[in-house]
């Protein structure tokens, strides 16, 4: 079979159609005891595209999906792409108010959800997009009733590289959410590099991170584009993952570091046959060198770490087995990626010096949806006018061109593989009438990689307990943003110019469990 992956641009939907023509009975998606082959997936994508066109959803407009990972979720996502419609995949673990702002910001014409997603979304606003239930529940119109007729073909759409493919939202509980707009051209660049990692018709990829995460999508789309099978695991647990890996003879996977930690620490890990693995990927959070070394020693197949941002820009890649002396780094810039370091005055630093990481590549976000000022803040241009994306991370290149990360400039923390922004939590805390000031930092956690911890200065005369405040704020935020601990203090440490010294706060905290 001849694929068009080597062309400058194509669409993932067209590649799946090719797979359906040449290998109609090959499994495309597997979930528990259910599966769908390429012919059925292609037909379901057509029915989705037809229904969107019937409902007047135009190419370039968006739909939203707030649900747990499922075959139906994947099919609707892919079908929307066939119609040239962008997808805003939303995390059910976010708070209701935040989710509603995201739906509104994306200007989603339709909202696809399930029982879990609907519970997270909360009461339905009068002006919300029509809801369609993916799981047969009563939270919206049944998917089977909404889809176009079987055998119906959508009107062909000439998708362009700069059209929006998806809008992925940063986590947030207050203020305006930031929707990262990724183009079809950006996703195509991700697919094209798939051949280098052995994707093909015999690929079996096990995914246990959600489909609303860019972490998942960077392996989900290449697997299907090359004709492989994707095994969906909606809820991760170490033993269940190992059983699926052995059962399906998994060849590829994407895991965040905390999942590697839990898998390798499981007492039954070494009894499972994992010899089928060809490549294991990781991204989204700091990956300890000792953990990488353990994975290399005990888990067959290559171990590849990606360092980058959902916003795109530059990516570094570490082939752990090929460079075992560089496990403390995140690797070298990928081919065609230009990564540089800049100082506080936005000037490039000299070789060997520390600076903020900025990157340029073919895979860069168009911008933050409807937020041109935020987009400009995320950009850096070199003297020749070349556009880069700021990472907010601080790092240093060694003499061999490997990047070591030193710290995160903006104090973002990553808990369980998800970005958590301290400023969002601080804003929530300040809404409590007893709170005068608050600062949130990340502390190491064996369970989550990092977890947020808060320091609070009370209003004069206020007397709530730390436990009361902790329970209050955790009830206001999404599951992935909950505080692990909260301390009441007399004053926040500050520099001479009034900046809160978060490092002092962080250094005084013990690691979380």
Protein backbone atom coordinates (compact mmCIF):
# COMPACT_ATOMS: atom_id res chain seq x y z
CA UNK A 1 0.00 0.00 0.00
CA UNK A 2 1.30 3.47 -0.92
CA UNK A 3 0.73 6.21 1.62
CA UNK A 4 1.02 9.93 0.98
CA UNK A 5 2.86 10.67 4.22
CA UNK A 6 5.96 11.90 2.43
CA UNK A 7 4.09 14.78 0.81
CA UNK A 8 4.44 18.31 2.17
CA UNK A 9 0.86 18.24 3.37
CA UNK A 10 -2.05 15.84 3.64
CA UNK A 11 -4.78 15.04 6.12
CA UNK A 12 -5.04 12.35 8.75
CA UNK A 13 -8.66 11.72 7.73
CA UNK A 14 -7.54 10.88 4.18
CA UNK A 15 -4.87 8.49 5.47
CA UNK A 16 -7.47 6.63 7.53
CA UNK A 17 -9.67 6.38 4.43
CA UNK A 18 -6.74 4.81 2.56
CA UNK A 19 -6.31 2.30 5.36
CA UNK A 20 -10.03 1.46 5.16
CA UNK A 21 -9.75 0.79 1.42
CA UNK A 22 -6.68 -1.43 1.66
CA UNK A 23 -7.11 -3.11 5.07
CA UNK A 24 -10.81 -2.78 5.95
CA UNK A 25 -10.90 -5.56 8.57
CA UNK A 26 -7.79 -4.56 10.52
CA UNK A 27 -8.54 -3.37 14.05
CA UNK A 28 -8.28 0.40 14.34
CA UNK A 29 -9.55 0.94 17.90
CA UNK A 30 -9.88 -1.53 20.77
CA UNK A 31 -11.53 -0.81 24.12
CA UNK A 32 -12.02 -3.64 26.61
CA UNK A 33 -14.09 -6.29 24.77
CA UNK A 34 -15.12 -3.93 21.98
CA UNK A 35 -13.26 -3.09 18.78
CA UNK A 36 -13.83 -1.27 15.51
CA UNK A 37 -12.02 -1.99 12.24
CA UNK A 38 -10.83 0.55 9.69
CA UNK A 39 -13.87 0.14 7.43
CA UNK A 40 -16.27 0.77 10.31
CA UNK A 41 -14.19 3.67 11.64
CA UNK A 42 -14.08 5.29 8.20
CA UNK A 43 -17.86 4.89 7.85
CA UNK A 44 -18.44 6.38 11.32
CA UNK A 45 -16.22 9.33 10.42
CA UNK A 46 -18.32 9.88 7.28
CA UNK A 47 -21.55 9.80 9.30
CA UNK A 48 -20.08 12.31 11.78
CA UNK A 49 -18.94 14.65 9.00
CA UNK A 50 -22.34 14.41 7.31
CA UNK A 51 -24.17 15.23 10.52
CA UNK A 52 -21.97 18.26 11.15
CA UNK A 53 -22.59 19.53 7.63
CA UNK A 54 -26.32 18.87 8.01
CA UNK A 55 -26.34 20.93 11.23
CA UNK A 56 -24.60 23.83 9.54
CA UNK A 57 -21.22 23.49 11.27
CA UNK A 58 -18.81 25.07 8.82
CA UNK A 59 -15.20 24.16 8.13
CA UNK A 60 -13.00 26.18 10.46
CA UNK A 61 -15.63 26.30 13.20
CA UNK A 62 -15.34 24.14 16.33
CA UNK A 63 -17.07 21.46 18.34
CA UNK A 64 -16.19 20.55 21.94
CA UNK A 65 -15.81 17.10 23.51
CA UNK A 66 -15.90 16.70 27.28
CA UNK A 67 -15.92 12.98 28.03
CA UNK A 68 -13.84 10.00 29.03
CA UNK A 69 -11.77 8.26 26.37
CA UNK A 70 -13.81 5.89 24.22
CA UNK A 71 -14.18 4.53 20.70
CA UNK A 72 -17.05 6.98 20.11
CA UNK A 73 -14.93 9.91 21.34
CA UNK A 74 -12.15 9.01 18.91
CA UNK A 75 -14.52 8.51 15.98
CA UNK A 76 -16.27 11.86 16.49
CA UNK A 77 -12.91 13.65 16.79
CA UNK A 78 -11.70 12.10 13.53
CA UNK A 79 -15.01 12.64 11.75
CA UNK A 80 -14.97 16.33 12.61
CA UNK A 81 -11.53 16.61 11.04
CA UNK A 82 -12.90 15.09 7.84
CA UNK A 83 -15.42 17.95 7.71
CA UNK A 84 -12.68 20.53 8.32
CA UNK A 85 -14.16 21.21 11.77
CA UNK A 86 -11.78 21.90 14.65
CA UNK A 87 -12.10 19.98 17.92
CA UNK A 88 -11.76 21.41 21.42
CA UNK A 89 -11.14 18.39 23.68
CA UNK A 90 -11.85 19.38 27.30
CA UNK A 91 -10.71 17.73 30.52
CA UNK A 92 -13.63 16.49 32.66
CA UNK A 93 -11.39 16.96 35.69
CA UNK A 94 -11.56 20.75 35.30
CA UNK A 95 -14.04 22.78 37.32
CA UNK A 96 -17.52 23.47 35.92
CA UNK A 97 -17.03 27.22 35.58
CA UNK A 98 -13.74 26.72 33.76
CA UNK A 99 -15.25 24.15 31.39
CA UNK A 100 -18.14 26.44 30.54
CA UNK A 101 -15.73 29.27 29.73
CA UNK A 102 -13.78 26.94 27.45
CA UNK A 103 -16.91 25.88 25.55
CA UNK A 104 -17.84 29.54 25.10
CA UNK A 105 -14.31 30.59 24.15
CA UNK A 106 -14.10 27.91 21.46
CA UNK A 107 -17.50 29.05 20.16
CA UNK A 108 -18.34 25.37 19.96
CA UNK A 109 -21.40 24.69 17.83
CA UNK A 110 -21.99 21.28 19.46
CA UNK A 111 -20.88 19.70 22.74
CA UNK A 112 -20.25 15.93 22.86
CA UNK A 113 -20.21 14.49 26.35
CA UNK A 114 -20.99 11.49 28.56
CA UNK A 115 -22.28 10.99 32.08
CA UNK A 116 -18.94 11.89 33.65
CA UNK A 117 -18.40 14.89 31.43
CA UNK A 118 -21.93 16.19 32.02
CA UNK A 119 -21.46 15.92 35.77
CA UNK A 120 -18.26 17.95 35.49
CA UNK A 121 -19.92 20.56 33.27
CA UNK A 122 -22.63 21.16 35.85
CA UNK A 123 -26.05 22.71 35.15
CA UNK A 124 -26.54 23.49 31.50
CA UNK A 125 -26.56 27.24 30.67
CA UNK A 126 -29.42 28.47 28.52
CA UNK A 127 -27.06 29.55 25.71
CA UNK A 128 -24.88 26.42 25.72
CA UNK A 129 -24.31 24.42 22.54
CA UNK A 130 -26.55 21.41 21.96
CA UNK A 131 -25.33 18.33 23.83
CA UNK A 132 -24.87 14.91 22.24
CA UNK A 133 -24.32 11.85 24.45
CA UNK A 134 -21.47 9.55 23.45
CA UNK A 135 -22.26 6.82 25.97
CA UNK A 136 -25.98 6.13 25.61
CA UNK A 137 -26.80 8.14 28.73
CA UNK A 138 -29.56 10.73 28.93
CA UNK A 139 -27.22 13.74 29.16
CA UNK A 140 -27.88 14.72 25.55
CA UNK A 141 -29.22 13.54 22.22
CA UNK A 142 -28.11 9.96 21.56
CA UNK A 143 -25.12 9.76 19.23
CA UNK A 144 -26.77 7.04 17.12
CA UNK A 145 -29.76 9.32 16.51
CA UNK A 146 -27.59 12.34 15.72
CA UNK A 147 -25.23 10.69 13.21
CA UNK A 148 -25.86 10.92 9.48
CA UNK A 149 -27.43 7.99 7.69
CA UNK A 150 -25.33 4.88 7.12
CA UNK A 151 -23.65 4.96 3.73
CA UNK A 152 -24.04 8.72 3.34
CA UNK A 153 -20.98 10.60 2.03
CA UNK A 154 -20.05 14.08 3.28
CA UNK A 155 -19.40 16.96 0.92
CA UNK A 156 -15.62 16.89 0.24
CA UNK A 157 -13.67 19.61 2.05
CA UNK A 158 -10.33 20.93 0.79
CA UNK A 159 -8.58 21.24 4.14
CA UNK A 160 -5.73 23.78 4.21
CA UNK A 161 -2.53 23.51 6.31
CA UNK A 162 -3.26 26.68 8.30
CA UNK A 163 -6.81 25.69 9.26
CA UNK A 164 -7.37 24.94 12.96
CA UNK A 165 -7.13 21.24 13.76
CA UNK A 166 -7.78 21.40 17.50
CA UNK A 167 -7.94 23.85 20.38
CA UNK A 168 -6.30 22.51 23.52
CA UNK A 169 -6.92 24.51 26.68
CA UNK A 170 -4.47 25.18 29.43
CA UNK A 171 -5.77 24.35 32.89
CA UNK A 172 -7.35 27.24 34.72
CA UNK A 173 -9.94 28.07 37.36
CA UNK A 174 -10.17 31.85 37.05
CA UNK A 175 -9.76 34.44 34.37
CA UNK A 176 -9.77 33.74 30.66
CA UNK A 177 -8.77 30.23 29.55
CA UNK A 178 -6.00 29.99 26.96
CA UNK A 179 -6.97 27.88 23.97
CA UNK A 180 -3.90 26.65 22.08
CA UNK A 181 -4.80 26.49 18.40
CA UNK A 182 -2.87 23.80 16.52
CA UNK A 183 -3.15 23.66 12.76
CA UNK A 184 -3.56 20.75 10.35
CA UNK A 185 -0.05 21.53 9.14
CA UNK A 186 1.34 21.15 12.66
CA UNK A 187 -0.34 17.77 13.15
CA UNK A 188 0.85 16.64 9.73
CA UNK A 189 4.44 17.34 10.79
CA UNK A 190 3.90 15.05 13.81
CA UNK A 191 2.58 12.26 11.58
CA UNK A 192 5.45 12.53 9.09
CA UNK A 193 8.04 11.76 11.76
CA UNK A 194 6.19 8.54 12.63
CA UNK A 195 8.21 6.38 10.25
CA UNK A 196 11.32 7.07 12.32
CA UNK A 197 9.68 5.33 15.31
CA UNK A 198 8.55 2.21 13.51
CA UNK A 199 4.85 2.96 13.11
CA UNK A 200 3.23 0.62 10.62
CA UNK A 201 0.43 -1.87 10.04
CA UNK A 202 1.76 -4.13 12.82
CA UNK A 203 1.86 -1.35 15.41
CA UNK A 204 -0.22 -1.83 18.55
CA UNK A 205 -0.26 1.32 20.68
CA UNK A 206 -1.59 1.24 24.25
CA UNK A 207 -2.89 4.61 25.46
CA UNK A 208 -3.75 5.24 29.11
CA UNK A 209 -3.57 9.04 29.04
CA UNK A 210 -6.69 10.95 27.95
CA UNK A 211 -7.54 12.08 24.43
CA UNK A 212 -7.85 15.70 25.55
CA UNK A 213 -4.12 15.72 26.23
CA UNK A 214 -1.58 16.62 23.57
CA UNK A 215 0.62 13.98 25.20
CA UNK A 216 -1.79 11.32 23.93
CA UNK A 217 -2.51 12.82 20.54
CA UNK A 218 1.13 12.88 19.41
CA UNK A 219 1.07 9.05 19.28
CA UNK A 220 -2.65 8.47 18.65
CA UNK A 221 -2.69 10.11 15.22
CA UNK A 222 0.52 8.53 13.83
CA UNK A 223 -0.63 5.05 14.87
CA UNK A 224 -3.87 5.33 12.87
CA UNK A 225 -2.22 7.17 9.99
CA UNK A 226 0.19 4.26 9.49
CA UNK A 227 -2.54 1.63 9.85
CA UNK A 228 -1.82 0.38 13.34
CA UNK A 229 -4.19 -0.47 16.17
CA UNK A 230 -4.86 1.70 19.23
CA UNK A 231 -5.83 0.05 22.51
CA UNK A 232 -7.74 2.53 24.68
CA UNK A 233 -7.43 2.34 28.47
CA UNK A 234 -9.75 5.05 29.86
CA UNK A 235 -8.57 4.69 33.47
CA UNK A 236 -4.97 3.84 34.25
CA UNK A 237 -3.93 1.35 36.87
CA UNK A 238 -0.56 -0.36 36.85
CA UNK A 239 -1.69 -3.99 36.97
CA UNK A 240 -4.45 -3.43 34.40
CA UNK A 241 -1.97 -1.75 32.07
CA UNK A 242 0.48 -4.65 32.31
CA UNK A 243 -2.27 -7.17 31.59
CA UNK A 244 -3.37 -5.25 28.46
CA UNK A 245 0.23 -4.88 27.30
CA UNK A 246 0.82 -8.63 27.46
CA UNK A 247 -2.60 -9.56 26.05
CA UNK A 248 -2.37 -7.33 22.97
CA UNK A 249 1.38 -7.70 22.35
CA UNK A 250 1.78 -3.94 22.54
CA UNK A 251 4.60 -2.37 20.50
CA UNK A 252 4.26 1.36 21.30
CA UNK A 253 3.03 3.44 24.22
CA UNK A 254 3.07 6.95 25.65
CA UNK A 255 3.32 7.34 29.40
CA UNK A 256 4.04 10.25 31.71
CA UNK A 257 6.88 9.74 34.22
CA UNK A 258 4.62 9.08 37.20
CA UNK A 259 3.10 6.17 35.29
CA UNK A 260 6.55 4.71 34.64
CA UNK A 261 7.23 5.04 38.35
CA UNK A 262 4.04 3.20 39.31
CA UNK A 263 4.52 0.45 36.73
CA UNK A 264 8.14 -0.26 37.59
CA UNK A 265 7.35 -0.21 41.31
CA UNK A 266 4.52 -2.74 40.93
CA UNK A 267 5.52 -6.01 42.62
CA UNK A 268 4.35 -8.07 39.61
CA UNK A 269 6.03 -5.99 36.89
CA UNK A 270 8.82 -8.44 36.14
CA UNK A 271 6.52 -11.42 35.65
CA UNK A 272 4.81 -9.92 32.57
CA UNK A 273 6.03 -10.62 29.04
CA UNK A 274 6.73 -7.19 27.51
CA UNK A 275 9.11 -8.40 24.80
CA UNK A 276 6.82 -7.07 22.05
CA UNK A 277 7.62 -3.43 22.91
CA UNK A 278 9.51 -1.50 20.24
CA UNK A 279 9.27 2.07 21.54
CA UNK A 280 8.11 3.64 24.78
CA UNK A 281 7.60 7.41 24.80
CA UNK A 282 7.41 9.91 27.62
CA UNK A 283 6.71 13.63 27.91
CA UNK A 284 4.80 16.24 29.95
CA UNK A 285 6.79 16.18 33.20
CA UNK A 286 10.31 15.90 34.61
CA UNK A 287 11.62 12.35 34.13
CA UNK A 288 14.23 11.40 36.72
CA UNK A 289 17.46 9.93 35.37
CA UNK A 290 17.28 7.05 37.85
CA UNK A 291 13.77 6.17 36.65
CA UNK A 292 14.89 6.26 33.01
CA UNK A 293 17.76 3.93 33.87
CA UNK A 294 15.40 1.51 35.60
CA UNK A 295 13.08 1.48 32.57
CA UNK A 296 16.00 0.80 30.26
CA UNK A 297 17.19 -2.08 32.41
CA UNK A 298 13.87 -3.84 33.01
CA UNK A 299 11.57 -2.95 30.10
CA UNK A 300 12.34 -4.11 26.51
CA UNK A 301 12.30 -1.66 23.62
CA UNK A 302 13.61 1.85 23.08
CA UNK A 303 12.82 4.65 25.52
CA UNK A 304 12.29 8.04 23.90
CA UNK A 305 11.65 11.25 25.83
CA UNK A 306 10.10 14.28 24.12
CA UNK A 307 10.58 17.73 25.58
CA UNK A 308 8.36 20.48 24.22
CA UNK A 309 5.12 22.35 24.69
CA UNK A 310 1.55 21.94 23.53
CA UNK A 311 2.08 25.35 21.93
CA UNK A 312 4.76 23.76 19.78
CA UNK A 313 7.96 25.47 18.78
CA UNK A 314 11.03 23.40 19.42
CA UNK A 315 11.20 19.79 20.53
CA UNK A 316 14.13 18.00 22.10
CA UNK A 317 14.37 14.23 21.83
CA UNK A 318 16.32 11.89 24.06
CA UNK A 319 16.98 8.35 22.85
CA UNK A 320 17.79 6.97 26.27
CA UNK A 321 19.34 3.67 25.16
CA UNK A 322 21.60 5.36 22.62
CA UNK A 323 22.86 7.96 25.11
CA UNK A 324 22.83 6.38 28.58
CA UNK A 325 25.25 9.00 29.88
CA UNK A 326 22.74 11.78 29.08
CA UNK A 327 19.74 10.57 31.08
CA UNK A 328 19.84 13.76 33.18
CA UNK A 329 19.02 15.76 30.03
CA UNK A 330 15.98 16.02 27.75
CA UNK A 331 18.07 15.32 24.67
CA UNK A 332 19.02 17.33 21.61
CA UNK A 333 16.81 19.42 19.29
CA UNK A 334 14.85 17.35 16.79
CA UNK A 335 15.82 17.55 13.13
CA UNK A 336 14.65 20.85 11.68
CA UNK A 337 13.97 22.33 15.13
CA UNK A 338 15.77 25.50 16.15
CA UNK A 339 16.08 25.82 19.93
CA UNK A 340 17.86 28.71 21.56
CA UNK A 341 18.32 30.21 25.03
CA UNK A 342 17.63 33.85 25.84
CA UNK A 343 18.24 36.07 28.86
CA UNK A 344 15.89 38.43 30.72
CA UNK A 345 16.54 41.09 28.07
CA UNK A 346 15.51 38.67 25.28
CA UNK A 347 19.09 38.37 24.01
CA UNK A 348 20.64 35.03 23.13
CA UNK A 349 23.03 33.78 25.79
CA UNK A 350 26.57 32.59 25.12
CA UNK A 351 27.38 28.89 24.74
CA UNK A 352 27.18 27.04 28.06
CA UNK A 353 25.16 29.76 29.80
CA UNK A 354 21.69 29.43 31.32
CA UNK A 355 18.69 30.99 29.65
CA UNK A 356 14.99 30.65 28.87
CA UNK A 357 14.27 28.00 26.25
CA UNK A 358 12.62 29.21 23.02
CA UNK A 359 11.95 27.12 19.95
CA UNK A 360 10.99 27.23 16.27
CA UNK A 361 9.79 24.40 14.03
CA UNK A 362 7.17 23.52 11.46
CA UNK A 363 4.93 22.48 14.38
CA UNK A 364 3.93 25.68 16.13
CA UNK A 365 0.57 26.84 17.37
CA UNK A 366 -1.24 29.45 15.35
CA UNK A 367 -1.81 31.27 18.61
CA UNK A 368 -4.07 31.38 21.64
CA UNK A 369 -7.67 31.36 20.49
CA UNK A 370 -9.02 34.91 20.38
CA UNK A 371 -6.18 36.22 22.57
CA UNK A 372 -3.71 38.08 20.40
CA UNK A 373 -2.02 39.75 23.38
CA UNK A 374 -1.38 36.40 25.09
CA UNK A 375 -0.06 35.08 21.79
CA UNK A 376 2.41 37.96 21.49
CA UNK A 377 3.59 37.33 25.05
CA UNK A 378 4.39 33.73 24.09
CA UNK A 379 6.46 34.71 21.04
CA UNK A 380 10.08 35.73 20.60
CA UNK A 381 11.60 36.89 17.32
CA UNK A 382 15.29 36.74 16.49
CA UNK A 383 17.02 39.73 14.83
CA UNK A 384 16.13 38.30 11.40
CA UNK A 385 12.42 38.14 12.33
CA UNK A 386 12.21 34.37 12.79
CA UNK A 387 9.33 33.41 15.11
CA UNK A 388 9.95 31.31 18.22
CA UNK A 389 7.69 30.12 21.05
CA UNK A 390 8.76 30.78 24.63
CA UNK A 391 8.66 27.75 26.93
CA UNK A 392 9.00 29.55 30.26
CA UNK A 393 11.62 26.92 31.16
CA UNK A 394 15.20 27.71 32.01
CA UNK A 395 17.97 25.43 30.78
CA UNK A 396 21.52 25.03 29.55
CA UNK A 397 23.07 23.18 26.60
CA UNK A 398 26.13 21.05 27.27
CA UNK A 399 29.10 20.75 24.94
CA UNK A 400 27.41 17.91 23.02
CA UNK A 401 24.23 19.90 22.38
CA UNK A 402 22.06 18.17 25.00
CA UNK A 403 19.64 20.36 26.94
CA UNK A 404 19.45 20.20 30.73
CA UNK A 405 16.46 21.90 32.34
CA UNK A 406 17.28 23.97 35.40
CA UNK A 407 13.95 25.35 36.54
CA UNK A 408 10.57 26.60 35.30
CA UNK A 409 10.63 30.31 34.91
CA UNK A 410 6.94 30.83 35.55
CA UNK A 411 6.64 28.43 38.48
CA UNK A 412 4.21 26.16 36.69
CA UNK A 413 4.06 22.71 38.23
CA UNK A 414 3.08 19.37 36.71
CA UNK A 415 0.94 17.01 38.77
CA UNK A 416 0.17 13.56 37.40
CA UNK A 417 1.28 14.73 33.97
CA UNK A 418 -1.04 17.76 33.90
CA UNK A 419 -0.07 21.42 34.01
CA UNK A 420 -1.15 23.25 37.15
CA UNK A 421 -0.71 27.01 37.36
CA UNK A 422 -0.13 28.39 40.88
CA UNK A 423 -1.61 31.78 39.95
CA UNK A 424 -4.97 30.12 39.26
CA UNK A 425 -5.02 28.52 42.71
CA UNK A 426 -3.82 31.73 44.36
CA UNK A 427 -6.70 33.62 42.75
CA UNK A 428 -9.20 31.08 44.11
CA UNK A 429 -7.73 31.32 47.60
CA UNK A 430 -7.98 35.10 47.54
CA UNK A 431 -11.73 34.81 46.96
CA UNK A 432 -12.13 33.50 50.51
CA UNK A 433 -13.03 36.40 52.81
CA UNK A 434 -10.54 35.26 55.46
CA UNK A 435 -7.54 35.27 53.10
CA UNK A 436 -5.29 38.30 52.80
CA UNK A 437 -2.48 36.83 50.71
CA UNK A 438 -1.62 33.45 49.24
CA UNK A 439 1.24 31.80 47.38
CA UNK A 440 1.26 28.34 45.81
CA UNK A 441 4.34 26.28 44.97
CA UNK A 442 4.99 22.75 43.76
CA UNK A 443 6.57 20.12 45.97
CA UNK A 444 7.84 16.66 44.95
CA UNK A 445 5.31 13.85 45.27
CA UNK A 446 5.94 10.12 44.92
CA UNK A 447 2.37 9.63 43.71
CA UNK A 448 1.90 12.60 41.35
CA UNK A 449 5.41 13.76 40.46
CA UNK A 450 4.55 17.15 41.96
CA UNK A 451 1.64 18.47 44.00
CA UNK A 452 0.61 22.06 44.80
CA UNK A 453 1.07 23.42 48.31
CA UNK A 454 -0.29 26.74 49.55
CA UNK A 455 0.91 29.34 52.04
CA UNK A 456 -1.80 31.67 53.33
CA UNK A 457 -1.74 34.92 55.30
CA UNK A 458 -5.09 35.55 57.00
CA UNK A 459 -7.00 38.80 57.25
CA UNK A 460 -6.66 40.47 60.67
CA UNK A 461 -9.07 38.84 63.10
CA UNK A 462 -9.86 35.89 60.80
CA UNK A 463 -9.47 32.44 62.34
CA UNK A 464 -10.31 29.55 59.99
CA UNK A 465 -8.11 26.48 60.32
CA UNK A 466 -5.71 25.35 57.63
CA UNK A 467 -7.83 22.22 57.14
CA UNK A 468 -10.98 24.27 56.60
CA UNK A 469 -9.29 26.41 53.95
CA UNK A 470 -7.76 23.37 52.27
CA UNK A 471 -11.15 21.65 51.99
CA UNK A 472 -12.77 24.87 50.77
CA UNK A 473 -10.34 25.53 47.92
CA UNK A 474 -10.26 21.88 46.82
CA UNK A 475 -14.03 22.00 46.44
CA UNK A 476 -13.66 24.96 44.05
CA UNK A 477 -11.11 23.54 41.64
CA UNK A 478 -10.73 20.61 39.27
CA UNK A 479 -9.46 17.25 40.47
CA UNK A 480 -6.01 17.70 38.91
CA UNK A 481 -5.56 21.09 40.62
CA UNK A 482 -6.29 20.16 44.22
CA UNK A 483 -3.86 21.28 46.92
CA UNK A 484 -1.86 18.63 48.69
CA UNK A 485 -1.19 20.80 51.74
CA UNK A 486 -1.83 24.28 53.12
CA UNK A 487 0.02 26.22 55.80
CA UNK A 488 -0.97 29.40 57.62
CA UNK A 489 1.93 31.85 58.00
CA UNK A 490 2.33 35.39 59.36
CA UNK A 491 3.82 36.92 56.20
CA UNK A 492 5.05 35.89 52.76
CA UNK A 493 8.81 36.24 52.25
CA UNK A 494 9.53 38.95 49.70
CA UNK A 495 12.52 40.45 47.91
CA UNK A 496 13.49 44.10 48.17
CA UNK A 497 11.24 44.93 45.23
CA UNK A 498 8.28 43.07 46.70
CA UNK A 499 8.46 39.83 44.73
CA UNK A 500 7.32 36.75 46.66
CA UNK A 501 10.31 34.45 47.18
CA UNK A 502 8.69 31.15 46.29
CA UNK A 503 11.94 29.22 46.44
CA UNK A 504 12.16 29.94 50.17
CA UNK A 505 8.65 28.61 50.62
CA UNK A 506 9.34 25.52 48.52
CA UNK A 507 12.61 24.70 50.25
CA UNK A 508 10.92 24.66 53.64
CA UNK A 509 8.39 22.01 52.69
CA UNK A 510 8.78 18.23 52.98
CA UNK A 511 8.01 16.03 49.97
CA UNK A 512 4.41 14.91 49.65
CA UNK A 513 3.34 11.28 49.59
